[in-house]
Amino acid sequence: MEKQLNIFANNKKEPVTKDTSTEIKRFFAEKKVPVVENWAVFVDGAARGNPGPAGCGIYVINDNKDIIKKGFFLGTKTNNQAEYIALLLAVFLIKKKLQELEIENIILTIHSDSELLVRQMCGFYKIKNAVLQCINSMIERMLKGIPHKFIHIMREKNKIADKLANLGVDKKVQLPKEFFDFVADFKDIVEIIRS
């Protein structure tokens, strides 16, 4: 049998290790290779009565650290409207957070328990509802230039966003003013959100 390379060079039967993280960071900094962050986005919309009092929940994590964890009250909406507004608001909050953190390169993986939302955003289902078409086009415009994918998940995997959506309804948490400032030029969107 041929002689094999001994990875236990110190004869103590322990693997030899070396921390190269500093060297790796220096290498990437010198080469100006952009760091790409992967953000997992969980959105949920909830309407009690459909239509009824509605809320949305947004939960964004990166490396198991909470980036965004918010729930909001949406007034009276259908469940599908709440799901779409949750996604619209999530993209808005993410773009705002990227500016704050001065992060340029991310990949978004957007999770939702709404099969309709995911299939419509992926282009598998037509969007027949005019309100949803309007919100969809705004979301697509906002996601332009950001690599992203949509994943349909079961409700059990979306518990945090669901809880945030229900808290938003229970506590009547208002949408952020800067969100209304952002959509102010899009009268159709403002009308949908305020109605």
N, C-alpha and C. Protein backbone atom coordinates (compact mmCIF):
# COMPACT_ATOMS: atom_id res chain seq x y z
N MET A 1 0.84 -1.18 0.00
CA MET A 1 0.00 0.00 0.00
C MET A 1 0.88 1.24 0.00
N GLU A 2 0.46 2.25 -0.78
CA GLU A 2 1.26 3.47 -0.86
C GLU A 2 1.17 4.27 0.43
N LYS A 3 2.23 5.00 0.67
CA LYS A 3 2.27 5.85 1.86
C LYS A 3 1.25 6.99 1.70
N GLN A 4 0.42 7.20 2.72
CA GLN A 4 -0.59 8.24 2.66
C GLN A 4 -0.12 9.49 3.39
N LEU A 5 -0.65 10.62 2.95
CA LEU A 5 -0.32 11.90 3.57
C LEU A 5 -0.91 11.94 4.97
N ASN A 6 -0.10 12.24 5.94
CA ASN A 6 -0.56 12.30 7.32
C ASN A 6 -1.08 13.71 7.62
N ILE A 7 -2.42 13.84 7.79
CA ILE A 7 -2.98 15.16 8.10
C ILE A 7 -2.81 15.50 9.57
N PHE A 8 -2.37 14.53 10.34
CA PHE A 8 -2.14 14.78 11.76
C PHE A 8 -0.64 15.04 11.97
N ALA A 9 -0.19 16.18 11.46
CA ALA A 9 1.24 16.48 11.44
C ALA A 9 1.84 16.65 12.82
N ASN A 10 1.05 16.95 13.81
CA ASN A 10 1.61 17.16 15.14
C ASN A 10 1.65 15.87 15.97
N ASN A 11 1.34 14.72 15.36
CA ASN A 11 1.37 13.40 16.00
C ASN A 11 0.48 13.27 17.22
N LYS A 12 -0.41 14.20 17.45
CA LYS A 12 -1.33 14.10 18.59
C LYS A 12 -2.71 13.65 18.12
N LYS A 13 -2.79 13.25 16.90
CA LYS A 13 -4.05 12.81 16.29
C LYS A 13 -5.12 13.91 16.30
N GLU A 14 -4.67 15.15 16.23
CA GLU A 14 -5.58 16.29 16.12
C GLU A 14 -5.33 16.94 14.77
N PRO A 15 -6.38 17.31 14.05
CA PRO A 15 -6.17 17.97 12.76
C PRO A 15 -5.44 19.30 12.94
N VAL A 16 -4.58 19.60 12.01
CA VAL A 16 -3.88 20.88 12.02
C VAL A 16 -4.83 21.92 11.45
N THR A 17 -5.00 23.02 12.14
CA THR A 17 -5.90 24.07 11.66
C THR A 17 -5.15 25.37 11.52
N LYS A 18 -5.70 26.23 10.69
CA LYS A 18 -5.11 27.54 10.49
C LYS A 18 -6.24 28.51 10.20
N ASP A 19 -6.27 29.61 10.90
CA ASP A 19 -7.30 30.62 10.66
C ASP A 19 -6.82 31.54 9.55
N THR A 20 -7.47 31.43 8.41
CA THR A 20 -7.07 32.26 7.27
C THR A 20 -8.09 33.35 6.97
N SER A 21 -9.03 33.57 7.87
CA SER A 21 -10.10 34.53 7.58
C SER A 21 -9.55 35.93 7.32
N THR A 22 -8.54 36.36 8.07
CA THR A 22 -7.96 37.68 7.86
C THR A 22 -7.29 37.76 6.50
N GLU A 23 -6.56 36.69 6.15
CA GLU A 23 -5.90 36.66 4.85
C GLU A 23 -6.92 36.67 3.71
N ILE A 24 -8.00 35.93 3.89
CA ILE A 24 -9.04 35.88 2.86
C ILE A 24 -9.68 37.26 2.70
N LYS A 25 -10.01 37.91 3.81
CA LYS A 25 -10.60 39.25 3.74
C LYS A 25 -9.66 40.22 3.04
N ARG A 26 -8.37 40.15 3.37
CA ARG A 26 -7.39 41.04 2.75
C ARG A 26 -7.32 40.77 1.25
N PHE A 27 -7.31 39.49 0.87
CA PHE A 27 -7.26 39.12 -0.55
C PHE A 27 -8.44 39.73 -1.30
N PHE A 28 -9.66 39.55 -0.77
CA PHE A 28 -10.85 40.07 -1.44
C PHE A 28 -10.85 41.60 -1.48
N ALA A 29 -10.37 42.23 -0.41
CA ALA A 29 -10.31 43.69 -0.38
C ALA A 29 -9.33 44.21 -1.43
N GLU A 30 -8.16 43.56 -1.54
CA GLU A 30 -7.17 43.97 -2.53
C GLU A 30 -7.67 43.78 -3.95
N LYS A 31 -8.37 42.71 -4.18
CA LYS A 31 -8.89 42.42 -5.53
C LYS A 31 -10.19 43.18 -5.81
N LYS A 32 -10.69 43.86 -4.79
CA LYS A 32 -11.95 44.60 -4.88
C LYS A 32 -13.10 43.71 -5.34
N VAL A 33 -13.12 42.50 -4.82
CA VAL A 33 -14.20 41.56 -5.11
C VAL A 33 -15.36 41.90 -4.19
N PRO A 34 -16.53 42.20 -4.77
CA PRO A 34 -17.65 42.57 -3.91
C PRO A 34 -18.16 41.38 -3.09
N VAL A 35 -18.46 41.66 -1.85
CA VAL A 35 -19.03 40.65 -0.97
C VAL A 35 -20.53 40.61 -1.25
N VAL A 36 -21.06 39.42 -1.44
CA VAL A 36 -22.49 39.27 -1.70
C VAL A 36 -23.14 38.66 -0.46
N GLU A 37 -24.16 39.33 0.04
CA GLU A 37 -24.87 38.84 1.21
C GLU A 37 -26.17 38.17 0.76
N ASN A 38 -26.53 37.10 1.45
CA ASN A 38 -27.79 36.40 1.18
C ASN A 38 -28.78 36.77 2.28
N TRP A 39 -29.87 37.38 1.90
CA TRP A 39 -30.91 37.76 2.85
C TRP A 39 -32.13 36.89 2.61
N ALA A 40 -32.64 36.30 3.67
CA ALA A 40 -33.89 35.52 3.61
C ALA A 40 -35.03 36.43 4.06
N VAL A 41 -36.04 36.52 3.23
CA VAL A 41 -37.18 37.40 3.48
C VAL A 41 -38.43 36.54 3.66
N PHE A 42 -39.16 36.77 4.75
CA PHE A 42 -40.41 36.06 5.01
C PHE A 42 -41.51 37.11 5.09
N VAL A 43 -42.54 36.96 4.26
CA VAL A 43 -43.65 37.92 4.27
C VAL A 43 -44.96 37.18 4.49
N ASP A 44 -45.89 37.89 5.14
CA ASP A 44 -47.22 37.32 5.33
C ASP A 44 -48.24 38.44 5.43
N GLY A 45 -49.38 38.20 4.85
CA GLY A 45 -50.52 39.11 4.97
C GLY A 45 -51.66 38.35 5.59
N ALA A 46 -52.42 39.04 6.42
CA ALA A 46 -53.55 38.39 7.10
C ALA A 46 -54.74 39.32 7.11
N ALA A 47 -55.89 38.81 6.69
CA ALA A 47 -57.13 39.58 6.74
C ALA A 47 -58.15 38.78 7.52
N ARG A 48 -58.74 39.41 8.50
CA ARG A 48 -59.75 38.74 9.32
C ARG A 48 -61.13 39.05 8.74
N GLY A 49 -61.64 38.11 8.00
CA GLY A 49 -62.95 38.29 7.38
C GLY A 49 -62.89 38.27 5.87
N ASN A 50 -61.80 38.65 5.29
CA ASN A 50 -61.52 38.59 3.85
C ASN A 50 -62.65 39.10 2.97
N PRO A 51 -62.89 40.39 2.82
CA PRO A 51 -62.08 41.46 3.40
C PRO A 51 -62.41 41.71 4.87
N GLY A 52 -61.43 42.28 5.53
CA GLY A 52 -61.59 42.60 6.94
C GLY A 52 -60.35 43.30 7.44
N PRO A 53 -60.28 43.53 8.75
CA PRO A 53 -59.08 44.15 9.31
C PRO A 53 -57.85 43.31 8.93
N ALA A 54 -56.86 43.99 8.34
CA ALA A 54 -55.72 43.26 7.78
C ALA A 54 -54.40 43.79 8.32
N GLY A 55 -53.40 42.92 8.24
CA GLY A 55 -52.05 43.30 8.65
C GLY A 55 -51.03 42.58 7.79
N CYS A 56 -49.80 43.04 7.90
CA CYS A 56 -48.72 42.37 7.19
C CYS A 56 -47.53 42.20 8.12
N GLY A 57 -46.81 41.11 7.91
CA GLY A 57 -45.62 40.82 8.70
C GLY A 57 -44.42 40.65 7.79
N ILE A 58 -43.30 41.23 8.21
CA ILE A 58 -42.07 41.18 7.43
C ILE A 58 -40.94 40.76 8.35
N TYR A 59 -40.26 39.69 7.96
CA TYR A 59 -39.14 39.18 8.75
C TYR A 59 -37.98 38.93 7.80
N VAL A 60 -36.86 39.62 8.02
CA VAL A 60 -35.69 39.50 7.15
C VAL A 60 -34.49 39.12 8.01
N ILE A 61 -33.79 38.06 7.58
CA ILE A 61 -32.60 37.63 8.32
C ILE A 61 -31.41 37.46 7.38
N ASN A 62 -30.23 37.58 7.96
CA ASN A 62 -28.98 37.35 7.26
C ASN A 62 -28.04 36.67 8.26
N ASP A 63 -27.55 35.51 7.90
CA ASP A 63 -26.68 34.74 8.80
C ASP A 63 -27.31 34.57 10.18
N ASN A 64 -28.59 34.25 10.20
CA ASN A 64 -29.36 34.03 11.43
C ASN A 64 -29.45 35.26 12.33
N LYS A 65 -29.18 36.44 11.78
CA LYS A 65 -29.35 37.69 12.53
C LYS A 65 -30.57 38.42 11.98
N ASP A 66 -31.40 38.92 12.88
CA ASP A 66 -32.57 39.68 12.46
C ASP A 66 -32.13 41.00 11.84
N ILE A 67 -32.62 41.27 10.65
CA ILE A 67 -32.36 42.54 9.97
C ILE A 67 -33.60 43.42 10.10
N ILE A 68 -34.76 42.83 9.78
CA ILE A 68 -36.04 43.54 9.87
C ILE A 68 -37.04 42.58 10.50
N LYS A 69 -37.81 43.08 11.44
CA LYS A 69 -38.83 42.27 12.11
C LYS A 69 -39.96 43.22 12.47
N LYS A 70 -40.96 43.34 11.56
CA LYS A 70 -42.01 44.35 11.75
C LYS A 70 -43.37 43.81 11.32
N GLY A 71 -44.39 44.34 11.97
CA GLY A 71 -45.77 44.06 11.60
C GLY A 71 -46.54 45.36 11.52
N PHE A 72 -47.48 45.45 10.59
CA PHE A 72 -48.23 46.69 10.38
C PHE A 72 -49.72 46.42 10.16
N PHE A 73 -50.51 47.41 10.48
CA PHE A 73 -51.95 47.38 10.25
C PHE A 73 -52.22 47.99 8.88
N LEU A 74 -53.10 47.37 8.10
CA LEU A 74 -53.37 47.82 6.74
C LEU A 74 -54.79 48.34 6.54
N GLY A 75 -55.60 48.36 7.59
CA GLY A 75 -57.00 48.74 7.40
C GLY A 75 -57.79 47.55 6.89
N THR A 76 -58.84 47.81 6.16
CA THR A 76 -59.67 46.74 5.61
C THR A 76 -59.14 46.34 4.23
N LYS A 77 -58.73 45.10 4.12
CA LYS A 77 -58.17 44.57 2.87
C LYS A 77 -58.59 43.12 2.71
N THR A 78 -58.42 42.62 1.49
CA THR A 78 -58.59 41.18 1.27
C THR A 78 -57.27 40.51 1.68
N ASN A 79 -57.31 39.20 1.81
CA ASN A 79 -56.09 38.47 2.16
C ASN A 79 -55.02 38.64 1.09
N ASN A 80 -55.42 38.54 -0.20
CA ASN A 80 -54.45 38.67 -1.28
C ASN A 80 -53.84 40.07 -1.32
N GLN A 81 -54.65 41.09 -1.08
CA GLN A 81 -54.11 42.45 -1.03
C GLN A 81 -53.09 42.58 0.10
N ALA A 82 -53.40 42.00 1.24
CA ALA A 82 -52.49 42.05 2.39
C ALA A 82 -51.17 41.34 2.07
N GLU A 83 -51.24 40.21 1.37
CA GLU A 83 -50.03 39.48 0.99
C GLU A 83 -49.15 40.34 0.07
N TYR A 84 -49.77 40.96 -0.92
CA TYR A 84 -49.03 41.79 -1.87
C TYR A 84 -48.45 43.04 -1.20
N ILE A 85 -49.23 43.68 -0.35
CA ILE A 85 -48.73 44.87 0.35
C ILE A 85 -47.58 44.49 1.28
N ALA A 86 -47.65 43.30 1.88
CA ALA A 86 -46.55 42.82 2.73
C ALA A 86 -45.26 42.74 1.92
N LEU A 87 -45.35 42.21 0.71
CA LEU A 87 -44.16 42.09 -0.14
C LEU A 87 -43.67 43.47 -0.58
N LEU A 88 -44.58 44.34 -0.99
CA LEU A 88 -44.21 45.70 -1.39
C LEU A 88 -43.49 46.42 -0.26
N LEU A 89 -44.05 46.35 0.92
CA LEU A 89 -43.45 47.01 2.08
C LEU A 89 -42.11 46.37 2.45
N ALA A 90 -42.01 45.06 2.32
CA ALA A 90 -40.75 44.37 2.60
C ALA A 90 -39.64 44.87 1.68
N VAL A 91 -39.94 44.97 0.39
CA VAL A 91 -38.93 45.43 -0.57
C VAL A 91 -38.53 46.88 -0.26
N PHE A 92 -39.51 47.71 0.09
CA PHE A 92 -39.21 49.09 0.48
C PHE A 92 -38.27 49.12 1.69
N LEU A 93 -38.61 48.38 2.74
CA LEU A 93 -37.80 48.37 3.97
C LEU A 93 -36.40 47.80 3.72
N ILE A 94 -36.31 46.81 2.86
CA ILE A 94 -35.01 46.21 2.52
C ILE A 94 -34.13 47.24 1.81
N LYS A 95 -34.70 47.93 0.83
CA LYS A 95 -33.91 48.93 0.10
C LYS A 95 -33.45 50.05 1.03
N LYS A 96 -34.31 50.42 1.96
CA LYS A 96 -33.95 51.45 2.95
C LYS A 96 -32.80 50.94 3.83
N LYS A 97 -32.90 49.70 4.28
CA LYS A 97 -31.87 49.11 5.14
C LYS A 97 -30.54 48.98 4.40
N LEU A 98 -30.59 48.64 3.12
CA LEU A 98 -29.37 48.54 2.32
C LEU A 98 -28.65 49.88 2.25
N GLN A 99 -29.41 50.95 2.10
CA GLN A 99 -28.81 52.29 2.09
C GLN A 99 -28.18 52.61 3.44
N GLU A 100 -28.91 52.32 4.52
CA GLU A 100 -28.39 52.58 5.87
C GLU A 100 -27.08 51.84 6.12
N LEU A 101 -27.03 50.57 5.71
CA LEU A 101 -25.87 49.73 5.97
C LEU A 101 -24.79 49.84 4.89
N GLU A 102 -25.10 50.63 3.85
CA GLU A 102 -24.19 50.81 2.71
C GLU A 102 -23.80 49.47 2.09
N ILE A 103 -24.80 48.63 1.87
CA ILE A 103 -24.60 47.32 1.25
C ILE A 103 -25.10 47.42 -0.18
N GLU A 104 -24.28 46.94 -1.11
CA GLU A 104 -24.66 47.02 -2.52
C GLU A 104 -25.03 45.67 -3.13
N ASN A 105 -24.43 44.61 -2.65
CA ASN A 105 -24.60 43.32 -3.30
C ASN A 105 -25.31 42.32 -2.39
N ILE A 106 -26.57 42.06 -2.73
CA ILE A 106 -27.32 41.06 -1.98
C ILE A 106 -28.07 40.16 -2.95
N ILE A 107 -28.44 39.03 -2.43
CA ILE A 107 -29.35 38.12 -3.11
C ILE A 107 -30.51 37.91 -2.15
N LEU A 108 -31.71 38.13 -2.63
CA LEU A 108 -32.90 37.95 -1.80
C LEU A 108 -33.56 36.62 -2.10
N THR A 109 -33.89 35.89 -1.07
CA THR A 109 -34.74 34.71 -1.20
C THR A 109 -36.01 35.04 -0.45
N ILE A 110 -37.09 35.21 -1.22
CA ILE A 110 -38.35 35.67 -0.66
C ILE A 110 -39.26 34.47 -0.43
N HIS A 111 -39.66 34.29 0.83
CA HIS A 111 -40.51 33.16 1.23
C HIS A 111 -41.92 33.67 1.55
N SER A 112 -42.91 32.95 1.05
CA SER A 112 -44.30 33.29 1.38
C SER A 112 -45.12 32.01 1.43
N ASP A 113 -46.11 32.01 2.32
CA ASP A 113 -47.01 30.86 2.36
C ASP A 113 -48.21 31.05 1.42
N SER A 114 -48.21 32.15 0.67
CA SER A 114 -49.26 32.39 -0.31
C SER A 114 -48.81 31.83 -1.66
N GLU A 115 -49.38 30.70 -2.02
CA GLU A 115 -49.03 30.10 -3.31
C GLU A 115 -49.40 31.03 -4.45
N LEU A 116 -50.53 31.73 -4.32
CA LEU A 116 -50.96 32.67 -5.35
C LEU A 116 -49.91 33.76 -5.56
N LEU A 117 -49.46 34.38 -4.49
CA LEU A 117 -48.45 35.44 -4.58
C LEU A 117 -47.19 34.93 -5.27
N VAL A 118 -46.68 33.80 -4.82
CA VAL A 118 -45.43 33.26 -5.37
C VAL A 118 -45.60 32.92 -6.84
N ARG A 119 -46.68 32.24 -7.19
CA ARG A 119 -46.88 31.83 -8.58
C ARG A 119 -47.12 33.04 -9.49
N GLN A 120 -47.81 34.05 -8.99
CA GLN A 120 -48.01 35.25 -9.80
C GLN A 120 -46.71 36.03 -9.96
N MET A 121 -45.93 36.16 -8.90
CA MET A 121 -44.66 36.88 -8.99
C MET A 121 -43.67 36.16 -9.91
N CYS A 122 -43.78 34.84 -9.99
CA CYS A 122 -42.90 34.06 -10.87
C CYS A 122 -43.43 33.98 -12.30
N GLY A 123 -44.64 34.48 -12.52
CA GLY A 123 -45.22 34.48 -13.86
C GLY A 123 -45.94 33.20 -14.24
N PHE A 124 -46.16 32.30 -13.28
CA PHE A 124 -46.86 31.05 -13.58
C PHE A 124 -48.37 31.25 -13.66
N TYR A 125 -48.90 32.19 -12.88
CA TYR A 125 -50.32 32.51 -12.89
C TYR A 125 -50.49 33.93 -13.41
N LYS A 126 -51.55 34.15 -14.18
CA LYS A 126 -51.90 35.51 -14.60
C LYS A 126 -52.48 36.27 -13.42
N ILE A 127 -52.26 37.56 -13.42
CA ILE A 127 -52.85 38.42 -12.39
C ILE A 127 -54.06 39.09 -13.02
N LYS A 128 -55.24 38.68 -12.61
CA LYS A 128 -56.47 39.21 -13.20
C LYS A 128 -57.00 40.41 -12.43
N ASN A 129 -56.70 40.49 -11.15
CA ASN A 129 -57.21 41.56 -10.30
C ASN A 129 -56.40 42.84 -10.55
N ALA A 130 -57.11 43.94 -10.87
CA ALA A 130 -56.44 45.21 -11.20
C ALA A 130 -55.62 45.76 -10.04
N VAL A 131 -56.11 45.60 -8.82
CA VAL A 131 -55.38 46.09 -7.64
C VAL A 131 -54.06 45.34 -7.50
N LEU A 132 -54.11 44.02 -7.63
CA LEU A 132 -52.90 43.21 -7.50
C LEU A 132 -51.93 43.47 -8.65
N GLN A 133 -52.47 43.73 -9.86
CA GLN A 133 -51.62 44.07 -11.01
C GLN A 133 -50.81 45.33 -10.72
N CYS A 134 -51.48 46.31 -10.15
CA CYS A 134 -50.84 47.58 -9.83
C CYS A 134 -49.71 47.39 -8.81
N ILE A 135 -49.99 46.66 -7.75
CA ILE A 135 -48.97 46.42 -6.72
C ILE A 135 -47.83 45.58 -7.29
N ASN A 136 -48.18 44.57 -8.10
CA ASN A 136 -47.18 43.70 -8.71
C ASN A 136 -46.19 44.50 -9.56
N SER A 137 -46.70 45.42 -10.38
CA SER A 137 -45.78 46.18 -11.24
C SER A 137 -44.85 47.07 -10.42
N MET A 138 -45.35 47.59 -9.29
CA MET A 138 -44.51 48.41 -8.41
C MET A 138 -43.42 47.54 -7.77
N ILE A 139 -43.79 46.34 -7.33
CA ILE A 139 -42.81 45.43 -6.72
C ILE A 139 -41.73 45.07 -7.74
N GLU A 140 -42.15 44.73 -8.96
CA GLU A 140 -41.18 44.35 -10.00
C GLU A 140 -40.22 45.50 -10.30
N ARG A 141 -40.75 46.72 -10.34
CA ARG A 141 -39.92 47.90 -10.57
C ARG A 141 -38.88 48.05 -9.45
N MET A 142 -39.33 47.84 -8.21
CA MET A 142 -38.43 48.00 -7.06
C MET A 142 -37.38 46.89 -6.97
N LEU A 143 -37.72 45.70 -7.45
CA LEU A 143 -36.78 44.57 -7.40
C LEU A 143 -35.78 44.57 -8.55
N LYS A 144 -36.01 45.43 -9.53
CA LYS A 144 -35.12 45.47 -10.70
C LYS A 144 -33.67 45.71 -10.23
N GLY A 145 -32.78 44.89 -10.71
CA GLY A 145 -31.36 45.02 -10.36
C GLY A 145 -30.96 44.27 -9.09
N ILE A 146 -31.92 43.69 -8.38
CA ILE A 146 -31.60 42.91 -7.18
C ILE A 146 -31.86 41.44 -7.50
N PRO A 147 -30.82 40.60 -7.51
CA PRO A 147 -31.06 39.18 -7.74
C PRO A 147 -31.99 38.63 -6.65
N HIS A 148 -33.02 37.91 -7.09
CA HIS A 148 -33.99 37.40 -6.12
C HIS A 148 -34.67 36.15 -6.66
N LYS A 149 -35.24 35.41 -5.73
CA LYS A 149 -36.06 34.26 -6.11
C LYS A 149 -37.18 34.15 -5.09
N PHE A 150 -38.26 33.53 -5.51
CA PHE A 150 -39.43 33.33 -4.65
C PHE A 150 -39.56 31.85 -4.32
N ILE A 151 -39.91 31.58 -3.07
CA ILE A 151 -40.12 30.20 -2.63
C ILE A 151 -41.44 30.13 -1.87
N HIS A 152 -42.29 29.20 -2.29
CA HIS A 152 -43.53 28.96 -1.56
C HIS A 152 -43.21 28.01 -0.40
N ILE A 153 -43.65 28.40 0.80
CA ILE A 153 -43.41 27.58 1.99
C ILE A 153 -44.74 27.28 2.68
N MET A 154 -44.73 26.30 3.52
CA MET A 154 -45.91 25.98 4.31
C MET A 154 -46.05 27.00 5.45
N ARG A 155 -47.27 27.13 5.94
CA ARG A 155 -47.54 28.12 7.00
C ARG A 155 -46.66 27.90 8.23
N GLU A 156 -46.38 26.64 8.55
CA GLU A 156 -45.57 26.35 9.74
C GLU A 156 -44.17 26.96 9.64
N LYS A 157 -43.68 27.16 8.42
CA LYS A 157 -42.34 27.73 8.22
C LYS A 157 -42.39 29.26 8.19
N ASN A 158 -43.59 29.82 8.29
CA ASN A 158 -43.75 31.27 8.19
C ASN A 158 -44.36 31.85 9.47
N LYS A 159 -44.14 31.18 10.58
CA LYS A 159 -44.79 31.56 11.84
C LYS A 159 -44.41 32.95 12.32
N ILE A 160 -43.16 33.35 12.14
CA ILE A 160 -42.73 34.66 12.65
C ILE A 160 -43.43 35.77 11.88
N ALA A 161 -43.43 35.70 10.55
CA ALA A 161 -44.11 36.73 9.75
C ALA A 161 -45.61 36.74 10.04
N ASP A 162 -46.20 35.56 10.22
CA ASP A 162 -47.63 35.47 10.55
C ASP A 162 -47.92 36.14 11.88
N LYS A 163 -47.09 35.87 12.87
CA LYS A 163 -47.26 36.48 14.19
C LYS A 163 -47.14 38.00 14.10
N LEU A 164 -46.17 38.48 13.32
CA LEU A 164 -45.98 39.93 13.15
C LEU A 164 -47.18 40.57 12.47
N ALA A 165 -47.75 39.88 11.48
CA ALA A 165 -48.94 40.40 10.78
C ALA A 165 -50.11 40.53 11.75
N ASN A 166 -50.31 39.52 12.57
CA ASN A 166 -51.41 39.57 13.54
C ASN A 166 -51.18 40.61 14.63
N LEU A 167 -49.92 40.78 15.05
CA LEU A 167 -49.60 41.84 16.02
C LEU A 167 -49.87 43.22 15.42
N GLY A 168 -49.55 43.36 14.13
CA GLY A 168 -49.82 44.62 13.44
C GLY A 168 -51.29 44.98 13.49
N VAL A 169 -52.15 43.97 13.28
CA VAL A 169 -53.61 44.19 13.34
C VAL A 169 -54.03 44.49 14.78
N ASP A 170 -53.60 43.65 15.72
CA ASP A 170 -54.02 43.80 17.12
C ASP A 170 -53.61 45.15 17.70
N LYS A 171 -52.40 45.58 17.39
CA LYS A 171 -51.88 46.82 17.99
C LYS A 171 -52.08 48.03 17.09
N LYS A 172 -52.68 47.81 15.91
CA LYS A 172 -52.95 48.89 14.94
C LYS A 172 -51.67 49.69 14.63
N VAL A 173 -50.58 48.97 14.37
CA VAL A 173 -49.30 49.61 14.06
C VAL A 173 -49.38 50.26 12.68
N GLN A 174 -49.18 51.57 12.65
CA GLN A 174 -49.31 52.33 11.40
C GLN A 174 -48.11 52.10 10.48
N LEU A 175 -48.38 52.19 9.18
CA LEU A 175 -47.31 52.09 8.19
C LEU A 175 -46.36 53.28 8.35
N PRO A 176 -45.07 53.10 8.07
CA PRO A 176 -44.12 54.20 8.25
C PRO A 176 -44.40 55.36 7.29
N LYS A 177 -44.24 56.57 7.80
CA LYS A 177 -44.48 57.78 7.00
C LYS A 177 -43.61 57.79 5.75
N GLU A 178 -42.36 57.36 5.88
CA GLU A 178 -41.46 57.39 4.72
C GLU A 178 -41.92 56.44 3.61
N PHE A 179 -42.71 55.43 3.96
CA PHE A 179 -43.29 54.56 2.93
C PHE A 179 -44.30 55.34 2.10
N PHE A 180 -45.14 56.12 2.78
CA PHE A 180 -46.12 56.95 2.06
C PHE A 180 -45.41 58.03 1.24
N ASP A 181 -44.33 58.58 1.77
CA ASP A 181 -43.54 59.56 1.01
C ASP A 181 -42.99 58.91 -0.26
N PHE A 182 -42.53 57.67 -0.13
CA PHE A 182 -41.95 56.95 -1.27
C PHE A 182 -42.99 56.68 -2.36
N VAL A 183 -44.18 56.27 -1.97
CA VAL A 183 -45.21 55.91 -2.97
C VAL A 183 -46.09 57.09 -3.36
N ALA A 184 -45.81 58.28 -2.83
CA ALA A 184 -46.67 59.45 -3.05
C ALA A 184 -46.92 59.75 -4.53
N ASP A 185 -45.94 59.53 -5.38
CA ASP A 185 -46.10 59.81 -6.82
C ASP A 185 -46.93 58.75 -7.54
N PHE A 186 -47.19 57.64 -6.88
CA PHE A 186 -47.94 56.55 -7.49
C PHE A 186 -49.34 56.54 -6.88
N LYS A 187 -50.20 57.38 -7.44
CA LYS A 187 -51.53 57.62 -6.86
C LYS A 187 -52.35 56.34 -6.71
N ASP A 188 -52.23 55.42 -7.68
CA ASP A 188 -52.98 54.16 -7.60
C ASP A 188 -52.57 53.37 -6.36
N ILE A 189 -51.26 53.32 -6.09
CA ILE A 189 -50.76 52.58 -4.93
C ILE A 189 -51.23 53.25 -3.64
N VAL A 190 -51.13 54.57 -3.58
CA VAL A 190 -51.57 55.30 -2.38
C VAL A 190 -53.04 55.04 -2.12
N GLU A 191 -53.85 55.08 -3.19
CA GLU A 191 -55.29 54.82 -3.06
C GLU A 191 -55.56 53.42 -2.51
N ILE A 192 -54.84 52.44 -3.04
CA ILE A 192 -55.01 51.05 -2.61
C ILE A 192 -54.66 50.91 -1.13
N ILE A 193 -53.55 51.49 -0.73
CA ILE A 193 -53.07 51.33 0.64
C ILE A 193 -53.96 52.08 1.62
N ARG A 194 -54.40 53.26 1.24
CA ARG A 194 -55.21 54.07 2.16
C ARG A 194 -56.68 53.64 2.21
N SER A 195 -57.14 52.91 1.20
CA SER A 195 -58.58 52.54 1.17
C SER A 195 -58.94 51.52 2.23
